[in-house]
Amino acid sequence: MPADIGDFEVIFLRNVMIYFDPETKTKVVHNLLPRLKPGGHLIIGHSETLNGITDRVINVHPTIYRKP
């Protein structure tokens, strides 16, 4: 990911991870989370979860996670 892309308050990753194996899901999320501002939200699809992928975000709704 380019260093000059900046940081985000919201990242939408809806219906993307359903196509990836667990190892790839983990890599994708761990590459995105440094770009998410503290207090920012990561929004995923209804058929997706971050359980077992990362504990670096807090689940605030079934498809919405917040970075502390």
Protein backbone atom coordinates (compact mmCIF):
# COMPACT_ATOMS: atom_id res chain seq x y z
CA MET A 1 0.00 0.00 0.00
CA PRO A 2 1.47 3.41 -0.92
CA ALA A 3 2.73 5.37 2.06
CA ASP A 4 1.08 8.59 0.86
CA ILE A 5 -2.47 7.25 0.65
CA GLY A 6 -3.37 8.73 4.04
CA ASP A 7 -5.52 7.51 6.89
CA PHE A 8 -9.24 6.88 6.88
CA GLU A 9 -12.14 7.31 9.31
CA VAL A 10 -14.16 4.61 7.52
CA ILE A 11 -13.07 1.67 5.39
CA PHE A 12 -15.73 -0.30 3.52
CA LEU A 13 -14.70 -3.90 2.82
CA ARG A 14 -18.14 -5.29 2.10
CA ASN A 15 -18.49 -8.69 0.44
CA VAL A 16 -14.80 -8.95 -0.42
CA MET A 17 -13.36 -11.35 2.14
CA ILE A 18 -15.86 -14.13 1.37
CA TYR A 19 -13.63 -14.97 -1.59
CA PHE A 20 -10.41 -15.32 0.46
CA ASP A 21 -8.96 -18.11 2.55
CA PRO A 22 -8.32 -17.35 6.26
CA GLU A 23 -4.62 -16.55 5.72
CA THR A 24 -5.40 -14.01 3.00
CA LYS A 25 -8.22 -12.46 5.07
CA THR A 26 -5.75 -11.94 7.90
CA LYS A 27 -3.21 -10.31 5.58
CA VAL A 28 -5.81 -7.98 4.07
CA VAL A 29 -7.15 -6.83 7.45
CA HIS A 30 -3.68 -6.40 8.96
CA ASN A 31 -2.65 -4.27 5.95
CA LEU A 32 -5.75 -2.09 6.21
CA LEU A 33 -5.88 -1.49 9.96
CA PRO A 34 -2.79 0.75 10.12
CA ARG A 35 -4.62 3.08 7.68
CA LEU A 36 -7.73 3.25 9.90
CA LYS A 37 -7.66 6.20 12.29
CA PRO A 38 -8.24 5.56 16.00
CA GLY A 39 -12.00 5.64 16.52
CA GLY A 40 -12.49 4.83 12.83
CA HIS A 41 -14.81 2.13 11.55
CA LEU A 42 -14.24 -0.93 9.38
CA ILE A 43 -17.45 -2.09 7.71
CA ILE A 44 -17.69 -5.61 6.29
CA GLY A 45 -20.45 -7.64 4.62
CA HIS A 46 -23.26 -9.47 6.41
CA SER A 47 -21.82 -12.87 5.50
CA GLU A 48 -18.35 -11.96 6.81
CA THR A 49 -16.74 -11.80 10.25
CA LEU A 50 -13.44 -10.77 11.78
CA ASN A 51 -13.64 -13.46 14.48
CA GLY A 52 -10.33 -15.29 14.43
CA ILE A 53 -8.88 -12.71 12.02
CA THR A 54 -7.96 -9.85 14.37
CA ASP A 55 -8.53 -8.61 17.89
CA ARG A 56 -7.34 -5.08 17.05
CA VAL A 57 -10.89 -3.80 16.48
CA ILE A 58 -14.04 -3.82 18.61
CA ASN A 59 -17.29 -5.20 17.22
CA VAL A 60 -19.99 -2.53 17.64
CA HIS A 61 -22.59 -4.14 15.35
CA PRO A 62 -22.60 -7.45 13.45
CA THR A 63 -20.86 -5.87 10.43
CA ILE A 64 -19.25 -2.79 11.98
CA TYR A 65 -15.95 -2.74 13.85
CA ARG A 66 -14.24 0.23 15.55
CA LYS A 67 -10.54 0.74 16.07
CA PRO A 68 -9.88 1.76 19.69
